[in-house]
Amino acid sequence: MAVRIRLKRMGAKKAPFYRVVVADSKSPRDGKFIEEIGYYNPLTDPVDIKIDAEKATSWIAKGALPTETVKALLKKSEIIQ
């Protein structure tokens, strides 16, 4: 089972809000997920990013691959280099 750390879109039309989730790579974007590890709100100034560093590093150690966007968010949050 290929596991990815990716964004799940929430919020209203034209007002996106994202949750950072760990999900099977074959599940739909807003579908079933394994665990929620944080959130990302791009509409606030400054951008609001809250990711549980312990859970994120644990899942990466287990072999979960972050998407490019999530990898950038993890770097910005200083969870990974």
PDB file of N, CA and C in Angstrom:
ATOM      1  N   MET A   1       0.849  -1.184   0.000  1.00  0.00           N
ATOM      2  CA  MET A   1       0.000   0.000   0.000  1.00  0.00           C
ATOM      3  C   MET A   1       0.890   1.242   0.000  1.00  0.00           C
ATOM      4  N   ALA A   2       0.745   2.073  -1.024  1.00  0.00           N
ATOM      5  CA  ALA A   2       1.503   3.315  -1.113  1.00  0.00           C
ATOM      6  C   ALA A   2       0.767   4.409  -0.357  1.00  0.00           C
ATOM      7  N   VAL A   3       1.438   4.966   0.636  1.00  0.00           N
ATOM      8  CA  VAL A   3       0.819   5.991   1.484  1.00  0.00           C
ATOM      9  C   VAL A   3       1.427   7.349   1.151  1.00  0.00           C
ATOM     10  N   ARG A   4       0.558   8.348   1.045  1.00  0.00           N
ATOM     11  CA  ARG A   4       0.988   9.713   0.733  1.00  0.00           C
ATOM     12  C   ARG A   4       0.517  10.663   1.825  1.00  0.00           C
ATOM     13  N   ILE A   5       1.284  11.708   2.048  1.00  0.00           N
ATOM     14  CA  ILE A   5       0.850  12.817   2.906  1.00  0.00           C
ATOM     15  C   ILE A   5       0.440  13.911   1.938  1.00  0.00           C
ATOM     16  N   ARG A   6      -0.834  14.297   1.974  1.00  0.00           N
ATOM     17  CA  ARG A   6      -1.343  15.239   0.986  1.00  0.00           C
ATOM     18  C   ARG A   6      -2.424  16.135   1.576  1.00  0.00           C
ATOM     19  N   LEU A   7      -2.921  17.056   0.741  1.00  0.00           N
ATOM     20  CA  LEU A   7      -3.934  18.009   1.167  1.00  0.00           C
ATOM     21  C   LEU A   7      -5.332  17.515   0.825  1.00  0.00           C
ATOM     22  N   LYS A   8      -6.274  17.755   1.721  1.00  0.00           N
ATOM     23  CA  LYS A   8      -7.690  17.462   1.499  1.00  0.00           C
ATOM     24  C   LYS A   8      -8.402  18.814   1.491  1.00  0.00           C
ATOM     25  N   ARG A   9      -9.074  19.135   0.399  1.00  0.00           N
ATOM     26  CA  ARG A   9      -9.696  20.451   0.273  1.00  0.00           C
ATOM     27  C   ARG A   9     -10.996  20.514   1.048  1.00  0.00           C
ATOM     28  N   MET A  10     -11.134  21.591   1.800  1.00  0.00           N
ATOM     29  CA  MET A  10     -12.342  21.853   2.566  1.00  0.00           C
ATOM     30  C   MET A  10     -12.749  23.298   2.255  1.00  0.00           C
ATOM     31  N   GLY A  11     -13.814  23.759   2.867  1.00  0.00           N
ATOM     32  CA  GLY A  11     -14.207  25.157   2.718  1.00  0.00           C
ATOM     33  C   GLY A  11     -15.189  25.366   1.588  1.00  0.00           C
ATOM     34  N   ALA A  12     -15.622  26.603   1.451  1.00  0.00           N
ATOM     35  CA  ALA A  12     -16.617  26.962   0.455  1.00  0.00           C
ATOM     36  C   ALA A  12     -15.980  27.254  -0.901  1.00  0.00           C
ATOM     37  N   LYS A  13     -16.826  27.460  -1.882  1.00  0.00           N
ATOM     38  CA  LYS A  13     -16.370  27.832  -3.217  1.00  0.00           C
ATOM     39  C   LYS A  13     -15.606  29.149  -3.138  1.00  0.00           C
ATOM     40  N   LYS A  14     -14.455  29.207  -3.766  1.00  0.00           N
ATOM     41  CA  LYS A  14     -13.578  30.379  -3.791  1.00  0.00           C
ATOM     42  C   LYS A  14     -12.974  30.721  -2.422  1.00  0.00           C
ATOM     43  N   ALA A  15     -13.149  29.847  -1.441  1.00  0.00           N
ATOM     44  CA  ALA A  15     -12.579  30.059  -0.105  1.00  0.00           C
ATOM     45  C   ALA A  15     -11.985  28.743   0.401  1.00  0.00           C
ATOM     46  N   PRO A  16     -10.883  28.294  -0.200  1.00  0.00           N
ATOM     47  CA  PRO A  16     -10.343  26.984   0.169  1.00  0.00           C
ATOM     48  C   PRO A  16      -9.670  26.979   1.533  1.00  0.00           C
ATOM     49  N   PHE A  17      -9.746  25.842   2.176  1.00  0.00           N
ATOM     50  CA  PHE A  17      -9.109  25.543   3.451  1.00  0.00           C
ATOM     51  C   PHE A  17      -8.676  24.087   3.319  1.00  0.00           C
ATOM     52  N   TYR A  18      -7.463  23.785   3.702  1.00  0.00           N
ATOM     53  CA  TYR A  18      -6.955  22.432   3.475  1.00  0.00           C
ATOM     54  C   TYR A  18      -6.589  21.748   4.786  1.00  0.00           C
ATOM     55  N   ARG A  19      -6.834  20.439   4.838  1.00  0.00           N
ATOM     56  CA  ARG A  19      -6.357  19.610   5.928  1.00  0.00           C
ATOM     57  C   ARG A  19      -5.215  18.761   5.385  1.00  0.00           C
ATOM     58  N   VAL A  20      -4.176  18.600   6.177  1.00  0.00           N
ATOM     59  CA  VAL A  20      -3.044  17.748   5.803  1.00  0.00           C
ATOM     60  C   VAL A  20      -3.364  16.361   6.343  1.00  0.00           C
ATOM     61  N   VAL A  21      -3.494  15.392   5.433  1.00  0.00           N
ATOM     62  CA  VAL A  21      -3.889  14.042   5.821  1.00  0.00           C
ATOM     63  C   VAL A  21      -2.909  13.010   5.278  1.00  0.00           C
ATOM     64  N   VAL A  22      -2.913  11.852   5.915  1.00  0.00           N
ATOM     65  CA  VAL A  22      -2.171  10.684   5.442  1.00  0.00           C
ATOM     66  C   VAL A  22      -3.207   9.764   4.821  1.00  0.00           C
ATOM     67  N   ALA A  23      -3.015   9.435   3.532  1.00  0.00           N
ATOM     68  CA  ALA A  23      -4.014   8.629   2.822  1.00  0.00           C
ATOM     69  C   ALA A  23      -3.337   7.659   1.858  1.00  0.00           C
ATOM     70  N   ASP A  24      -4.080   6.628   1.496  1.00  0.00           N
ATOM     71  CA  ASP A  24      -3.638   5.703   0.460  1.00  0.00           C
ATOM     72  C   ASP A  24      -3.575   6.481  -0.853  1.00  0.00           C
ATOM     73  N   SER A  25      -2.575   6.238  -1.654  1.00  0.00           N
ATOM     74  CA  SER A  25      -2.398   7.002  -2.892  1.00  0.00           C
ATOM     75  C   SER A  25      -3.530   6.782  -3.892  1.00  0.00           C
ATOM     76  N   LYS A  26      -4.286   5.680  -3.758  1.00  0.00           N
ATOM     77  CA  LYS A  26      -5.355   5.388  -4.705  1.00  0.00           C
ATOM     78  C   LYS A  26      -6.705   5.961  -4.283  1.00  0.00           C
ATOM     79  N   SER A  27      -6.811   6.468  -3.051  1.00  0.00           N
ATOM     80  CA  SER A  27      -8.086   7.045  -2.611  1.00  0.00           C
ATOM     81  C   SER A  27      -8.275   8.437  -3.213  1.00  0.00           C
ATOM     82  N   PRO A  28      -9.529   8.883  -3.401  1.00  0.00           N
ATOM     83  CA  PRO A  28      -9.780  10.199  -3.988  1.00  0.00           C
ATOM     84  C   PRO A  28      -9.266  11.340  -3.101  1.00  0.00           C
ATOM     85  N   ARG A  29      -9.095  12.520  -3.702  1.00  0.00           N
ATOM     86  CA  ARG A  29      -8.539  13.675  -2.999  1.00  0.00           C
ATOM     87  C   ARG A  29      -9.277  13.985  -1.702  1.00  0.00           C
ATOM     88  N   ASP A  30     -10.597  14.014  -1.747  1.00  0.00           N
ATOM     89  CA  ASP A  30     -11.387  14.348  -0.567  1.00  0.00           C
ATOM     90  C   ASP A  30     -12.035  13.119   0.056  1.00  0.00           C
ATOM     91  N   GLY A  31     -11.514  11.945  -0.265  1.00  0.00           N
ATOM     92  CA  GLY A  31     -12.119  10.705   0.201  1.00  0.00           C
ATOM     93  C   GLY A  31     -11.518  10.195   1.488  1.00  0.00           C
ATOM     94  N   LYS A  32     -11.514   8.881   1.605  1.00  0.00           N
ATOM     95  CA  LYS A  32     -11.073   8.191   2.813  1.00  0.00           C
ATOM     96  C   LYS A  32      -9.591   8.478   3.099  1.00  0.00           C
ATOM     97  N   PHE A  33      -9.274   8.692   4.365  1.00  0.00           N
ATOM     98  CA  PHE A  33      -7.891   8.913   4.759  1.00  0.00           C
ATOM     99  C   PHE A  33      -7.580   8.130   6.022  1.00  0.00           C
ATOM    100  N   ILE A  34      -6.299   7.986   6.336  1.00  0.00           N
ATOM    101  CA  ILE A  34      -5.858   7.202   7.487  1.00  0.00           C
ATOM    102  C   ILE A  34      -5.817   8.075   8.744  1.00  0.00           C
ATOM    103  N   GLU A  35      -5.190   9.247   8.638  1.00  0.00           N
ATOM    104  CA  GLU A  35      -5.041  10.116   9.798  1.00  0.00           C
ATOM    105  C   GLU A  35      -4.900  11.565   9.355  1.00  0.00           C
ATOM    106  N   GLU A  36      -5.453  12.476  10.139  1.00  0.00           N
ATOM    107  CA  GLU A  36      -5.308  13.908   9.895  1.00  0.00           C
ATOM    108  C   GLU A  36      -4.167  14.410  10.778  1.00  0.00           C
ATOM    109  N   ILE A  37      -3.189  15.096  10.174  1.00  0.00           N
ATOM    110  CA  ILE A  37      -2.032  15.533  10.958  1.00  0.00           C
ATOM    111  C   ILE A  37      -1.884  17.047  11.024  1.00  0.00           C
ATOM    112  N   GLY A  38      -2.768  17.800  10.378  1.00  0.00           N
ATOM    113  CA  GLY A  38      -2.663  19.251  10.462  1.00  0.00           C
ATOM    114  C   GLY A  38      -3.604  19.950   9.511  1.00  0.00           C
ATOM    115  N   TYR A  39      -3.416  21.271   9.372  1.00  0.00           N
ATOM    116  CA  TYR A  39      -4.229  22.056   8.447  1.00  0.00           C
ATOM    117  C   TYR A  39      -3.409  23.190   7.847  1.00  0.00           C
ATOM    118  N   TYR A  40      -3.945  23.781   6.770  1.00  0.00           N
ATOM    119  CA  TYR A  40      -3.293  24.861   6.037  1.00  0.00           C
ATOM    120  C   TYR A  40      -4.365  25.796   5.517  1.00  0.00           C
ATOM    121  N   ASN A  41      -4.279  27.075   5.892  1.00  0.00           N
ATOM    122  CA  ASN A  41      -5.236  28.075   5.431  1.00  0.00           C
ATOM    123  C   ASN A  41      -4.487  29.153   4.653  1.00  0.00           C
ATOM    124  N   PRO A  42      -4.577  29.140   3.311  1.00  0.00           N
ATOM    125  CA  PRO A  42      -3.829  30.094   2.504  1.00  0.00           C
ATOM    126  C   PRO A  42      -4.459  31.489   2.441  1.00  0.00           C
ATOM    127  N   LEU A  43      -5.665  31.666   2.948  1.00  0.00           N
ATOM    128  CA  LEU A  43      -6.359  32.945   2.815  1.00  0.00           C
ATOM    129  C   LEU A  43      -6.027  33.945   3.916  1.00  0.00           C
ATOM    130  N   THR A  44      -5.475  33.487   5.023  1.00  0.00           N
ATOM    131  CA  THR A  44      -5.131  34.409   6.095  1.00  0.00           C
ATOM    132  C   THR A  44      -3.805  35.095   5.786  1.00  0.00           C
ATOM    133  N   ASP A  45      -3.568  36.220   6.439  1.00  0.00           N
ATOM    134  CA  ASP A  45      -2.306  36.932   6.242  1.00  0.00           C
ATOM    135  C   ASP A  45      -1.670  37.154   7.600  1.00  0.00           C
ATOM    136  N   PRO A  46      -0.597  36.496   7.978  1.00  0.00           N
ATOM    137  CA  PRO A  46       0.185  35.529   7.215  1.00  0.00           C
ATOM    138  C   PRO A  46      -0.529  34.170   7.110  1.00  0.00           C
ATOM    139  N   VAL A  47      -0.042  33.359   6.203  1.00  0.00           N
ATOM    140  CA  VAL A  47      -0.627  32.038   5.952  1.00  0.00           C
ATOM    141  C   VAL A  47      -0.597  31.216   7.234  1.00  0.00           C
ATOM    142  N   ASP A  48      -1.677  30.520   7.522  1.00  0.00           N
ATOM    143  CA  ASP A  48      -1.815  29.726   8.747  1.00  0.00           C
ATOM    144  C   ASP A  48      -1.504  28.259   8.448  1.00  0.00           C
ATOM    145  N   ILE A  49      -0.378  27.775   8.986  1.00  0.00           N
ATOM    146  CA  ILE A  49       0.036  26.381   8.809  1.00  0.00           C
ATOM    147  C   ILE A  49       0.222  25.764  10.188  1.00  0.00           C
ATOM    148  N   LYS A  50      -0.470  24.661  10.438  1.00  0.00           N
ATOM    149  CA  LYS A  50      -0.313  23.943  11.715  1.00  0.00           C
ATOM    150  C   LYS A  50      -0.238  22.459  11.394  1.00  0.00           C
ATOM    151  N   ILE A  51       0.952  21.890  11.568  1.00  0.00           N
ATOM    152  CA  ILE A  51       1.168  20.468  11.300  1.00  0.00           C
ATOM    153  C   ILE A  51       1.844  19.861  12.522  1.00  0.00           C
ATOM    154  N   ASP A  52       1.341  18.717  12.963  1.00  0.00           N
ATOM    155  CA  ASP A  52       1.923  18.005  14.100  1.00  0.00           C
ATOM    156  C   ASP A  52       3.247  17.387  13.642  1.00  0.00           C
ATOM    157  N   ALA A  53       4.348  17.961  14.099  1.00  0.00           N
ATOM    158  CA  ALA A  53       5.675  17.535  13.660  1.00  0.00           C
ATOM    159  C   ALA A  53       5.967  16.082  14.029  1.00  0.00           C
ATOM    160  N   GLU A  54       5.537  15.670  15.208  1.00  0.00           N
ATOM    161  CA  GLU A  54       5.798  14.300  15.661  1.00  0.00           C
ATOM    162  C   GLU A  54       5.107  13.277  14.759  1.00  0.00           C
ATOM    163  N   LYS A  55       3.832  13.528  14.432  1.00  0.00           N
ATOM    164  CA  LYS A  55       3.091  12.611  13.561  1.00  0.00           C
ATOM    165  C   LYS A  55       3.663  12.620  12.147  1.00  0.00           C
ATOM    166  N   ALA A  56       4.026  13.799  11.637  1.00  0.00           N
ATOM    167  CA  ALA A  56       4.562  13.894  10.278  1.00  0.00           C
ATOM    168  C   ALA A  56       5.879  13.137  10.147  1.00  0.00           C
ATOM    169  N   THR A  57       6.797  13.345  11.075  1.00  0.00           N
ATOM    170  CA  THR A  57       8.074  12.628  11.002  1.00  0.00           C
ATOM    171  C   THR A  57       7.884  11.129  11.200  1.00  0.00           C
ATOM    172  N   SER A  58       6.910  10.754  12.032  1.00  0.00           N
ATOM    173  CA  SER A  58       6.619   9.335  12.232  1.00  0.00           C
ATOM    174  C   SER A  58       6.142   8.687  10.936  1.00  0.00           C
ATOM    175  N   TRP A  59       5.228   9.335  10.237  1.00  0.00           N
ATOM    176  CA  TRP A  59       4.718   8.778   8.986  1.00  0.00           C
ATOM    177  C   TRP A  59       5.796   8.766   7.904  1.00  0.00           C
ATOM    178  N   ILE A  60       6.644   9.783   7.853  1.00  0.00           N
ATOM    179  CA  ILE A  60       7.735   9.796   6.863  1.00  0.00           C
ATOM    180  C   ILE A  60       8.713   8.659   7.163  1.00  0.00           C
ATOM    181  N   ALA A  61       8.979   8.409   8.434  1.00  0.00           N
ATOM    182  CA  ALA A  61       9.866   7.303   8.819  1.00  0.00           C
ATOM    183  C   ALA A  61       9.273   5.951   8.441  1.00  0.00           C
ATOM    184  N   LYS A  62       7.953   5.852   8.445  1.00  0.00           N
ATOM    185  CA  LYS A  62       7.275   4.606   8.066  1.00  0.00           C
ATOM    186  C   LYS A  62       7.206   4.418   6.552  1.00  0.00           C
ATOM    187  N   GLY A  63       7.591   5.455   5.781  1.00  0.00           N
ATOM    188  CA  GLY A  63       7.629   5.325   4.328  1.00  0.00           C
ATOM    189  C   GLY A  63       6.602   6.153   3.576  1.00  0.00           C
ATOM    190  N   ALA A  64       5.828   6.976   4.261  1.00  0.00           N
ATOM    191  CA  ALA A  64       4.853   7.824   3.575  1.00  0.00           C
ATOM    192  C   ALA A  64       5.575   8.929   2.816  1.00  0.00           C
ATOM    193  N   LEU A  65       5.142   9.179   1.589  1.00  0.00           N
ATOM    194  CA  LEU A  65       5.755  10.204   0.758  1.00  0.00           C
ATOM    195  C   LEU A  65       4.876  11.456   0.721  1.00  0.00           C
ATOM    196  N   PRO A  66       5.443  12.625   1.059  1.00  0.00           N
ATOM    197  CA  PRO A  66       4.651  13.854   0.953  1.00  0.00           C
ATOM    198  C   PRO A  66       4.571  14.314  -0.502  1.00  0.00           C
ATOM    199  N   THR A  67       3.455  14.938  -0.863  1.00  0.00           N
ATOM    200  CA  THR A  67       3.351  15.542  -2.193  1.00  0.00           C
ATOM    201  C   THR A  67       4.258  16.768  -2.234  1.00  0.00           C
ATOM    202  N   GLU A  68       4.455  17.341  -3.414  1.00  0.00           N
ATOM    203  CA  GLU A  68       5.332  18.504  -3.551  1.00  0.00           C
ATOM    204  C   GLU A  68       4.847  19.672  -2.709  1.00  0.00           C
ATOM    205  N   THR A  69       3.534  19.913  -2.705  1.00  0.00           N
ATOM    206  CA  THR A  69       2.973  21.021  -1.936  1.00  0.00           C
ATOM    207  C   THR A  69       3.162  20.792  -0.443  1.00  0.00           C
ATOM    208  N   VAL A  70       2.891  19.592   0.016  1.00  0.00           N
ATOM    209  CA  VAL A  70       3.044  19.281   1.442  1.00  0.00           C
ATOM    210  C   VAL A  70       4.513  19.335   1.835  1.00  0.00           C
ATOM    211  N   LYS A  71       5.404  18.898   0.943  1.00  0.00           N
ATOM    212  CA  LYS A  71       6.835  18.972   1.228  1.00  0.00           C
ATOM    213  C   LYS A  71       7.259  20.424   1.434  1.00  0.00           C
ATOM    214  N   ALA A  72       6.738  21.333   0.605  1.00  0.00           N
ATOM    215  CA  ALA A  72       7.040  22.753   0.759  1.00  0.00           C
ATOM    216  C   ALA A  72       6.493  23.294   2.083  1.00  0.00           C
ATOM    217  N   LEU A  73       5.294  22.848   2.471  1.00  0.00           N
ATOM    218  CA  LEU A  73       4.717  23.282   3.746  1.00  0.00           C
ATOM    219  C   LEU A  73       5.526  22.750   4.929  1.00  0.00           C
ATOM    220  N   LEU A  74       5.999  21.514   4.829  1.00  0.00           N
ATOM    221  CA  LEU A  74       6.821  20.939   5.892  1.00  0.00           C
ATOM    222  C   LEU A  74       8.145  21.691   6.027  1.00  0.00           C
ATOM    223  N   LYS A  75       8.725  22.100   4.908  1.00  0.00           N
ATOM    224  CA  LYS A  75       9.954  22.883   4.945  1.00  0.00           C
ATOM    225  C   LYS A  75       9.700  24.254   5.551  1.00  0.00           C
ATOM    226  N   LYS A  76       8.582  24.875   5.183  1.00  0.00           N
ATOM    227  CA  LYS A  76       8.252  26.188   5.712  1.00  0.00           C
ATOM    228  C   LYS A  76       7.989  26.123   7.218  1.00  0.00           C
ATOM    229  N   SER A  77       7.438  25.006   7.692  1.00  0.00           N
ATOM    230  CA  SER A  77       7.181  24.804   9.116  1.00  0.00           C
ATOM    231  C   SER A  77       8.427  24.302   9.844  1.00  0.00           C
ATOM    232  N   GLU A  78       9.511  24.095   9.118  1.00  0.00           N
ATOM    233  CA  GLU A  78      10.798  23.626   9.644  1.00  0.00           C
ATOM    234  C   GLU A  78      10.701  22.248  10.271  1.00  0.00           C
ATOM    235  N   ILE A  79       9.843  21.389   9.695  1.00  0.00           N
ATOM    236  CA  ILE A  79       9.739  20.011  10.170  1.00  0.00           C
ATOM    237  C   ILE A  79      10.754  19.141   9.446  1.00  0.00           C
ATOM    238  N   ILE A  80      11.000  19.421   8.161  1.00  0.00           N
ATOM    239  CA  ILE A  80      12.041  18.738   7.402  1.00  0.00           C
ATOM    240  C   ILE A  80      12.961  19.787   6.782  1.00  0.00           C
ATOM    241  N   GLN A  81      14.143  19.355   6.329  1.00  0.00           N
ATOM    242  CA  GLN A  81      15.080  20.287   5.702  1.00  0.00           C
ATOM    243  C   GLN A  81      14.909  20.303   4.217  1.00  0.00           C
TER     244      GLN A  81
END
